[in-house]
Amino acid sequence: MKVFMKLLMAGTIAFSGMTGLTTNVSIAASVSGFKDVKASFWAERTIRTAVEKGYVDGYPGGFFKPNAEVTRAEFVKMSVTALGLTVEKGTGKWYEDYVKTAQENKLYLDSDFNNKESEWNKAMTRAEMAKVAVRASGKLETEEDKWMYLATKKGLITGLGAGKLGLIEKTTRAQSVTIIERILKVNKGETLPVDKYAVSSAEIAWHGTNIFTVMPEFFVDSRKTENVEELWNEEKMTITSKDGNWKGQLTELIAIDLTDPNDPNLKQIPAISTLKWQNDVISTQKGIPVSKFMNSYILYYKTKILYNKAPDKYFDKPFVPLYFTGFNSPNRDLFFAGRQLNTVAWVFENKPSDSPLFIVPKTGWKQGTDLRIELITPSVSSHNYLSQDVVKVSGPQTNGLF
């Protein structure tokens, strides 16, 4: 009998023509390896764990089909089963009892999509998977574009490389069990590794910036110590002049870490070797090579001029003026001499003010006031001047070197 069980677990004994045994044989074989899941496969161990726990099984013939798409119904069933939620068996379609349990536990809401068979049979997207994962870990959210940010920030979901989120890409069986295992770990109180590039991309997709992910040591606030990223005001990303004749919009503000050669957003700006920072706006256009001060961040902003009905009152600029304020230089002479980058400076490629970029040193600067990201109307006269904060934080220090 012991020899028989060893052969069975090794998958060397096959049954044919016997109902009710196929699934069990597949599960037994999977413990030692599916035919289509090699030991080198990225999710091999997770698949084995999921099968052993019993919330997913294989297919006849010893296959798991790790790259097969998962439907919404299948993912919900796996999630409900893995979470150990009580399912009352009914007489309807196979998935209806699991959907009902998912509704009762707020894993699925009617507002997600219509509760009908044609919708449940559609493939689960990565964006939808993120939504279920976050809810399953105990967080409810009302902003539709925030789910992936919450999922990546917790480590429930990682990117597809170089910060790619793949929001509309379909979920595979291997991805499904991987996410579910991460949910179970988070619910046990474990801290998961995080894909910082995915979090950065997800933050941009949520509210148009990644500064809280890439520059967390700058964007801290003594008045809001948790979820400080919520201080970013999307409504203030659009600015209209006092007289209504000019309107502009900030679409994205992207932070790039120059100490990270793999930062995926480096490809959005000119080569670092071509960039200079302005040390003296008045007397020189030569600038100082950015490449000599790599312990810094580059901030790249994208804007739109929505209209300018009074060009005599507002400068015709290619981008909306934006400032990062609250900094003082502890030694202006060294800054002007180009020997120290000790405060925020404008960055250009060929001539001053030709690029929507500025550089922020990580150390050596002095804070004077609250740190602010401000939009400005490009007014010809001070009479029409207007500024508004997109974000304001108390910052990490006041009147001291950082």
Protein backbone atom coordinates (compact mmCIF):
# COMPACT_ATOMS: atom_id res chain seq x y z
CA MET A 1 0.00 0.00 0.00
CA LYS A 2 2.86 2.42 0.83
CA VAL A 3 4.48 1.70 -2.52
CA PHE A 4 1.16 2.31 -4.27
CA MET A 5 0.72 5.71 -2.56
CA LYS A 6 4.28 6.75 -3.47
CA LEU A 7 3.62 5.87 -7.10
CA LEU A 8 0.32 7.73 -7.00
CA MET A 9 1.87 10.90 -5.54
CA ALA A 10 4.66 10.72 -8.11
CA GLY A 11 2.09 10.66 -10.86
CA THR A 12 3.28 7.33 -12.33
CA ILE A 13 -0.09 5.62 -11.92
CA ALA A 14 -2.82 6.85 -14.25
CA PHE A 15 -6.53 6.07 -14.12
CA SER A 16 -8.75 5.88 -17.14
CA GLY A 17 -12.41 5.18 -17.57
CA MET A 18 -13.11 5.97 -13.93
CA THR A 19 -15.30 8.96 -13.06
CA GLY A 20 -14.58 11.12 -10.08
CA LEU A 21 -10.85 10.38 -9.99
CA THR A 22 -9.45 12.72 -12.63
CA THR A 23 -9.27 15.81 -10.43
CA ASN A 24 -7.70 13.94 -7.53
CA VAL A 25 -5.02 12.45 -9.74
CA SER A 26 -4.30 15.90 -11.20
CA ILE A 27 -3.94 17.37 -7.74
CA ALA A 28 -1.68 14.54 -6.62
CA ALA A 29 0.51 14.89 -9.68
CA SER A 30 0.69 18.63 -9.24
CA VAL A 31 2.29 18.32 -5.83
CA SER A 32 5.37 16.90 -7.54
CA GLY A 33 5.00 19.03 -10.67
CA PHE A 34 2.65 19.63 -13.60
CA LYS A 35 3.81 18.71 -17.08
CA ASP A 36 3.49 22.33 -18.23
CA VAL A 37 5.00 23.91 -15.09
CA LYS A 38 8.75 23.40 -15.05
CA ALA A 39 10.78 23.87 -11.90
CA SER A 40 12.21 27.05 -13.43
CA PHE A 41 8.76 28.59 -14.02
CA TRP A 42 8.41 31.84 -12.07
CA ALA A 43 5.23 30.74 -10.22
CA GLU A 44 5.99 27.03 -9.81
CA ARG A 45 6.24 27.08 -6.02
CA THR A 46 3.15 29.28 -5.66
CA ILE A 47 1.13 26.98 -7.92
CA ARG A 48 2.12 23.99 -5.82
CA THR A 49 1.12 25.84 -2.65
CA ALA A 50 -2.25 26.87 -4.08
CA VAL A 51 -3.04 23.33 -5.22
CA GLU A 52 -2.07 21.91 -1.84
CA LYS A 53 -4.43 24.37 -0.15
CA GLY A 54 -7.21 23.19 -2.42
CA TYR A 55 -8.57 26.41 -3.92
CA VAL A 56 -7.36 25.56 -7.41
CA ASP A 57 -6.60 22.32 -9.22
CA GLY A 58 -5.21 21.10 -12.50
CA TYR A 59 -6.58 19.67 -15.71
CA PRO A 60 -6.75 16.05 -16.86
CA GLY A 61 -3.45 14.67 -18.05
CA GLY A 62 -1.35 16.45 -15.43
CA PHE A 63 -1.60 19.99 -16.82
CA PHE A 64 -2.13 23.27 -14.99
CA LYS A 65 -2.28 25.68 -17.96
CA PRO A 66 -0.52 28.52 -16.09
CA ASN A 67 -0.80 30.99 -18.95
CA ALA A 68 -4.49 30.39 -19.65
CA GLU A 69 -6.77 33.36 -19.03
CA VAL A 70 -8.99 33.37 -15.95
CA THR A 71 -12.59 34.53 -16.06
CA ARG A 72 -14.08 36.87 -13.51
CA ALA A 73 -16.14 33.99 -12.13
CA GLU A 74 -13.11 31.71 -11.77
CA PHE A 75 -11.08 34.36 -9.98
CA VAL A 76 -13.90 35.14 -7.57
CA LYS A 77 -14.38 31.45 -6.81
CA MET A 78 -10.66 31.00 -6.10
CA SER A 79 -10.58 34.11 -3.91
CA VAL A 80 -13.66 33.20 -1.91
CA THR A 81 -12.40 29.63 -1.39
CA ALA A 82 -8.87 30.68 -0.44
CA LEU A 83 -10.17 33.24 2.06
CA GLY A 84 -12.25 30.54 3.74
CA LEU A 85 -15.51 32.44 3.33
CA THR A 86 -18.74 30.56 3.95
CA VAL A 87 -20.56 29.60 0.76
CA GLU A 88 -24.14 28.40 0.91
CA LYS A 89 -24.72 25.95 -1.90
CA GLY A 90 -27.71 26.62 -4.13
CA THR A 91 -29.12 25.14 -7.30
CA GLY A 92 -28.12 27.87 -9.74
CA LYS A 93 -25.11 28.15 -12.02
CA TRP A 94 -21.80 26.95 -10.61
CA TYR A 95 -20.47 30.44 -9.89
CA GLU A 96 -23.59 32.08 -8.40
CA ASP A 97 -23.02 30.92 -4.83
CA TYR A 98 -19.48 32.29 -4.87
CA VAL A 99 -20.66 35.58 -6.35
CA LYS A 100 -23.25 35.92 -3.62
CA THR A 101 -20.58 35.36 -0.97
CA ALA A 102 -18.29 37.83 -2.73
CA GLN A 103 -21.09 40.42 -2.66
CA GLU A 104 -21.77 39.85 1.03
CA ASN A 105 -18.07 40.38 1.78
CA LYS A 106 -17.75 43.38 -0.59
CA LEU A 107 -15.27 41.70 -2.91
CA TYR A 108 -17.67 42.43 -5.74
CA LEU A 109 -20.10 45.35 -6.07
CA ASP A 110 -22.93 45.73 -8.56
CA SER A 111 -21.26 48.91 -9.78
CA ASP A 112 -18.23 46.89 -10.98
CA PHE A 113 -20.14 45.31 -13.88
CA ASN A 114 -23.54 43.72 -14.51
CA ASN A 115 -24.20 40.59 -12.52
CA LYS A 116 -25.02 38.34 -15.45
CA GLU A 117 -23.47 35.28 -17.01
CA SER A 118 -22.02 36.99 -20.07
CA GLU A 119 -20.10 39.39 -17.82
CA TRP A 120 -18.86 36.73 -15.43
CA ASN A 121 -17.52 34.69 -18.34
CA LYS A 122 -15.28 37.55 -19.50
CA ALA A 123 -11.57 37.35 -18.80
CA MET A 124 -10.42 39.11 -15.64
CA THR A 125 -8.23 42.15 -16.30
CA ARG A 126 -5.30 43.12 -14.11
CA ALA A 127 -7.14 46.29 -13.10
CA GLU A 128 -10.13 44.23 -11.93
CA MET A 129 -7.82 41.82 -10.14
CA ALA A 130 -6.25 44.75 -8.27
CA LYS A 131 -9.69 45.88 -7.13
CA VAL A 132 -10.61 42.47 -5.70
CA ALA A 133 -7.17 42.07 -4.11
CA VAL A 134 -7.37 45.39 -2.27
CA ARG A 135 -10.90 44.69 -1.06
CA ALA A 136 -9.89 41.20 0.07
CA SER A 137 -7.10 42.73 2.16
CA GLY A 138 -9.63 44.91 3.99
CA LYS A 139 -9.54 48.23 2.12
CA LEU A 140 -12.52 49.90 0.45
CA GLU A 141 -12.02 52.72 -2.03
CA THR A 142 -14.28 55.04 -4.04
CA GLU A 143 -11.75 56.43 -6.54
CA GLU A 144 -11.74 54.07 -9.52
CA ASP A 145 -8.24 55.02 -10.65
CA LYS A 146 -6.69 54.41 -7.22
CA TRP A 147 -7.09 50.63 -6.94
CA MET A 148 -3.85 49.72 -8.74
CA TYR A 149 -1.92 52.24 -6.64
CA LEU A 150 -3.22 50.65 -3.43
CA ALA A 151 -2.52 47.15 -4.75
CA THR A 152 1.06 47.90 -5.82
CA LYS A 153 1.82 49.92 -2.69
CA LYS A 154 0.91 46.89 -0.55
CA GLY A 155 2.87 44.53 -2.78
CA LEU A 156 -0.26 42.65 -3.84
CA ILE A 157 0.54 43.30 -7.50
CA THR A 158 3.85 43.93 -9.21
CA GLY A 159 4.43 45.42 -12.63
CA LEU A 160 5.22 43.70 -15.91
CA GLY A 161 8.68 45.23 -16.08
CA ALA A 162 9.93 48.84 -16.25
CA GLY A 163 6.86 50.08 -14.40
CA LYS A 164 4.36 48.68 -16.91
CA LEU A 165 1.02 48.07 -15.19
CA GLY A 166 -0.91 46.27 -17.93
CA LEU A 167 -4.25 47.53 -16.62
CA ILE A 168 -6.33 46.05 -19.45
CA GLU A 169 -4.26 42.93 -19.94
CA LYS A 170 -5.91 39.67 -19.00
CA THR A 171 -5.10 37.73 -15.85
CA THR A 172 -3.57 34.26 -16.13
CA ARG A 173 -4.01 31.27 -13.85
CA ALA A 174 -0.44 31.65 -12.60
CA GLN A 175 -0.97 35.33 -11.84
CA SER A 176 -4.25 34.57 -10.10
CA VAL A 177 -2.83 32.15 -7.55
CA THR A 178 0.16 34.44 -7.02
CA ILE A 179 -2.08 37.38 -6.14
CA ILE A 180 -4.29 35.25 -3.91
CA GLU A 181 -1.26 33.98 -2.00
CA ARG A 182 -0.13 37.56 -1.49
CA ILE A 183 -3.59 38.49 -0.19
CA LEU A 184 -3.39 35.68 2.35
CA LYS A 185 0.04 36.86 3.49
CA VAL A 186 -1.09 40.48 3.91
CA ASN A 187 -4.12 39.32 5.87
CA LYS A 188 -1.74 37.48 8.22
CA GLY A 189 0.10 40.73 8.85
CA GLU A 190 3.10 40.05 6.61
CA THR A 191 4.84 42.84 4.74
CA LEU A 192 5.42 42.08 1.08
CA PRO A 193 8.23 43.29 -1.19
CA VAL A 194 7.12 46.18 -3.37
CA ASP A 195 7.84 46.95 -7.03
CA LYS A 196 8.69 50.65 -6.71
CA TYR A 197 8.46 51.23 -10.47
CA ALA A 198 4.94 49.79 -10.53
CA VAL A 199 3.91 51.95 -7.54
CA SER A 200 5.34 55.00 -9.31
CA SER A 201 3.37 54.26 -12.49
CA ALA A 202 0.23 53.52 -10.51
CA GLU A 203 0.51 56.80 -8.61
CA ILE A 204 0.78 58.69 -11.91
CA ALA A 205 -2.26 56.82 -13.26
CA TRP A 206 -4.16 57.72 -10.08
CA HIS A 207 -3.54 61.45 -9.67
CA GLY A 208 -0.97 62.60 -12.20
CA THR A 209 2.26 62.51 -10.18
CA ASN A 210 4.68 60.08 -8.57
CA ILE A 211 6.42 62.48 -6.17
CA PHE A 212 5.15 60.69 -3.07
CA THR A 213 6.59 57.39 -4.30
CA VAL A 214 9.92 58.63 -5.67
CA MET A 215 10.62 61.51 -3.24
CA PRO A 216 9.01 60.39 0.03
CA GLU A 217 11.64 62.10 2.19
CA PHE A 218 10.58 65.50 0.79
CA PHE A 219 6.82 65.09 0.83
CA VAL A 220 6.11 64.61 4.50
CA ASP A 221 3.71 66.65 6.57
CA SER A 222 3.46 66.99 10.34
CA ARG A 223 -0.25 67.77 9.99
CA LYS A 224 -1.05 64.59 8.04
CA THR A 225 1.29 61.77 8.97
CA GLU A 226 -0.67 59.01 7.20
CA ASN A 227 -1.67 58.85 3.54
CA VAL A 228 0.14 62.11 2.88
CA GLU A 229 -0.24 61.50 -0.86
CA GLU A 230 -3.89 62.50 -0.48
CA LEU A 231 -2.73 66.11 -0.04
CA TRP A 232 -2.17 66.28 -3.80
CA ASN A 233 -5.12 68.31 -5.12
CA GLU A 234 -6.16 67.21 -8.62
CA GLU A 235 -8.66 70.06 -8.86
CA LYS A 236 -5.79 72.54 -8.51
CA MET A 237 -3.99 71.04 -11.51
CA THR A 238 -6.04 73.44 -13.66
CA ILE A 239 -5.56 77.17 -13.22
CA THR A 240 -7.66 80.00 -14.67
CA SER A 241 -6.62 83.64 -14.60
CA LYS A 242 -8.56 86.15 -12.52
CA ASP A 243 -10.15 87.70 -15.60
CA GLY A 244 -10.89 84.34 -17.22
CA ASN A 245 -8.82 85.09 -20.33
CA TRP A 246 -6.14 82.46 -19.76
CA LYS A 247 -6.39 78.82 -18.68
CA GLY A 248 -3.75 76.14 -18.29
CA GLN A 249 -3.46 72.63 -16.94
CA LEU A 250 -0.80 70.46 -15.35
CA THR A 251 -1.29 66.94 -16.70
CA GLU A 252 1.65 65.16 -15.07
CA LEU A 253 4.50 65.89 -12.69
CA ILE A 254 7.08 63.12 -12.86
CA ALA A 255 9.95 62.69 -10.41
CA ILE A 256 13.07 60.92 -11.69
CA ASP A 257 15.78 59.61 -9.38
CA LEU A 258 19.15 60.36 -10.97
CA THR A 259 20.89 57.86 -8.67
CA ASP A 260 18.83 55.07 -10.23
CA PRO A 261 20.03 54.27 -13.77
CA ASN A 262 17.05 51.95 -14.20
CA ASP A 263 14.41 54.58 -13.45
CA PRO A 264 11.96 53.94 -16.34
CA ASN A 265 11.04 57.62 -16.60
CA LEU A 266 14.57 58.60 -17.66
CA LYS A 267 13.50 57.82 -21.21
CA GLN A 268 10.98 60.67 -21.09
CA ILE A 269 13.60 63.42 -20.87
CA PRO A 270 16.67 64.32 -22.97
CA ALA A 271 19.91 62.47 -22.25
CA ILE A 272 21.39 63.56 -18.92
CA SER A 273 24.68 64.35 -20.69
CA THR A 274 22.90 67.16 -22.60
CA LEU A 275 21.24 68.81 -19.61
CA LYS A 276 22.49 71.80 -17.58
CA TRP A 277 21.17 73.56 -14.51
CA GLN A 278 20.94 77.35 -14.28
CA ASN A 279 23.23 78.81 -11.66
CA ASP A 280 22.92 82.46 -12.80
CA VAL A 281 19.89 83.50 -14.79
CA ILE A 282 21.22 87.01 -15.47
CA SER A 283 24.79 86.71 -16.69
CA THR A 284 25.28 83.28 -18.27
CA GLN A 285 23.53 80.79 -20.51
CA LYS A 286 26.24 78.15 -20.24
CA GLY A 287 24.86 76.37 -17.18
CA ILE A 288 26.35 73.57 -15.10
CA PRO A 289 26.26 69.93 -16.29
CA VAL A 290 23.60 67.93 -14.48
CA SER A 291 25.85 64.88 -14.83
CA LYS A 292 28.15 66.34 -12.15
CA PHE A 293 25.35 66.45 -9.55
CA MET A 294 23.65 63.06 -9.85
CA ASN A 295 22.64 62.83 -6.17
CA SER A 296 19.47 64.65 -7.14
CA TYR A 297 15.98 64.36 -8.54
CA ILE A 298 14.75 65.73 -11.84
CA LEU A 299 11.16 66.95 -11.89
CA TYR A 300 9.58 66.86 -15.35
CA TYR A 301 6.20 68.47 -15.79
CA LYS A 302 3.73 68.15 -18.65
CA THR A 303 1.22 70.93 -19.19
CA LYS A 304 -1.39 72.22 -21.63
CA ILE A 305 -2.34 75.79 -22.46
CA LEU A 306 -6.09 75.41 -22.79
CA TYR A 307 -6.59 78.94 -24.12
CA ASN A 308 -5.14 82.45 -24.16
CA LYS A 309 -7.78 85.00 -25.11
CA ALA A 310 -5.60 87.98 -24.17
CA PRO A 311 -2.03 87.55 -25.50
CA ASP A 312 -1.33 91.18 -24.58
CA LYS A 313 -1.87 90.28 -20.91
CA TYR A 314 -0.40 86.75 -20.79
CA PHE A 315 2.91 85.55 -22.22
CA ASP A 316 2.64 83.05 -25.01
CA LYS A 317 4.68 80.25 -23.41
CA PRO A 318 4.77 76.59 -24.50
CA PHE A 319 4.05 75.34 -20.98
CA VAL A 320 2.28 76.48 -17.83
CA PRO A 321 4.72 78.03 -15.30
CA LEU A 322 5.30 75.71 -12.36
CA TYR A 323 7.46 76.25 -9.27
CA PHE A 324 8.71 74.07 -6.43
CA THR A 325 9.14 76.55 -3.59
CA GLY A 326 10.16 76.55 0.05
CA PHE A 327 13.92 76.18 -0.51
CA ASN A 328 16.78 78.48 0.45
CA SER A 329 20.42 78.05 -0.47
CA PRO A 330 22.74 77.85 2.55
CA ASN A 331 25.52 79.32 0.41
CA ARG A 332 24.42 81.37 -2.61
CA ASP A 333 27.98 82.17 -3.65
CA LEU A 334 28.82 78.50 -4.12
CA PHE A 335 25.56 78.02 -5.98
CA PHE A 336 26.21 80.91 -8.38
CA ALA A 337 29.76 79.68 -8.90
CA GLY A 338 28.34 76.31 -9.94
CA ARG A 339 30.32 74.49 -7.26
CA GLN A 340 27.31 73.38 -5.21
CA LEU A 341 23.78 72.46 -6.13
CA ASN A 342 22.23 73.42 -2.80
CA THR A 343 18.73 74.52 -3.79
CA VAL A 344 16.21 73.93 -6.56
CA ALA A 345 17.40 75.02 -10.01
CA TRP A 346 15.93 75.20 -13.49
CA VAL A 347 17.24 72.71 -16.05
CA PHE A 348 17.66 73.34 -19.77
CA GLU A 349 19.10 71.57 -22.79
CA ASN A 350 20.13 74.23 -25.32
CA LYS A 351 19.18 77.53 -23.71
CA PRO A 352 17.58 78.62 -20.43
CA SER A 353 13.83 78.03 -20.08
CA ASP A 354 13.65 75.66 -23.07
CA SER A 355 12.58 72.65 -21.00
CA PRO A 356 9.90 71.96 -18.36
CA LEU A 357 12.47 70.55 -15.96
CA PHE A 358 14.07 71.44 -12.68
CA ILE A 359 16.54 69.68 -10.43
CA VAL A 360 16.26 69.10 -6.68
CA PRO A 361 19.37 68.09 -4.70
CA LYS A 362 18.82 65.31 -2.20
CA THR A 363 21.09 66.90 0.39
CA GLY A 364 22.73 70.22 1.21
CA TRP A 365 19.64 72.40 0.85
CA LYS A 366 17.90 74.51 3.49
CA GLN A 367 14.15 74.74 3.98
CA GLY A 368 12.66 78.17 4.50
CA THR A 369 8.89 77.66 4.40
CA ASP A 370 6.40 74.92 3.62
CA LEU A 371 7.32 73.02 0.47
CA ARG A 372 4.88 73.84 -2.34
CA ILE A 373 4.22 72.85 -5.92
CA GLU A 374 2.61 75.93 -7.45
CA LEU A 375 1.01 76.75 -10.79
CA ILE A 376 1.36 80.35 -11.97
CA THR A 377 -0.46 82.44 -14.54
CA PRO A 378 2.12 83.87 -17.03
CA SER A 379 0.94 87.42 -16.49
CA VAL A 380 2.60 90.38 -18.18
CA SER A 381 1.73 92.56 -15.17
CA SER A 382 1.35 91.82 -11.49
CA HIS A 383 -2.28 92.91 -11.69
CA ASN A 384 -3.26 89.60 -13.34
CA TYR A 385 -0.79 87.44 -11.42
CA LEU A 386 -2.26 84.36 -9.74
CA SER A 387 -0.69 81.31 -8.13
CA GLN A 388 -2.25 78.24 -6.59
CA ASP A 389 -0.84 75.27 -4.68
CA VAL A 390 -1.30 71.83 -6.16
CA VAL A 391 0.29 70.47 -3.00
CA LYS A 392 1.71 71.95 0.20
CA VAL A 393 3.55 70.02 2.92
CA SER A 394 5.39 71.07 6.04
CA GLY A 395 8.48 69.30 4.72
CA PRO A 396 11.22 67.36 6.51
CA GLN A 397 12.98 70.31 8.14
CA THR A 398 12.80 74.04 8.66
CA ASN A 399 15.77 76.41 8.68
CA GLY A 400 18.30 73.62 8.77
CA LEU A 401 20.43 71.59 6.40
CA PHE A 402 18.96 68.38 5.07
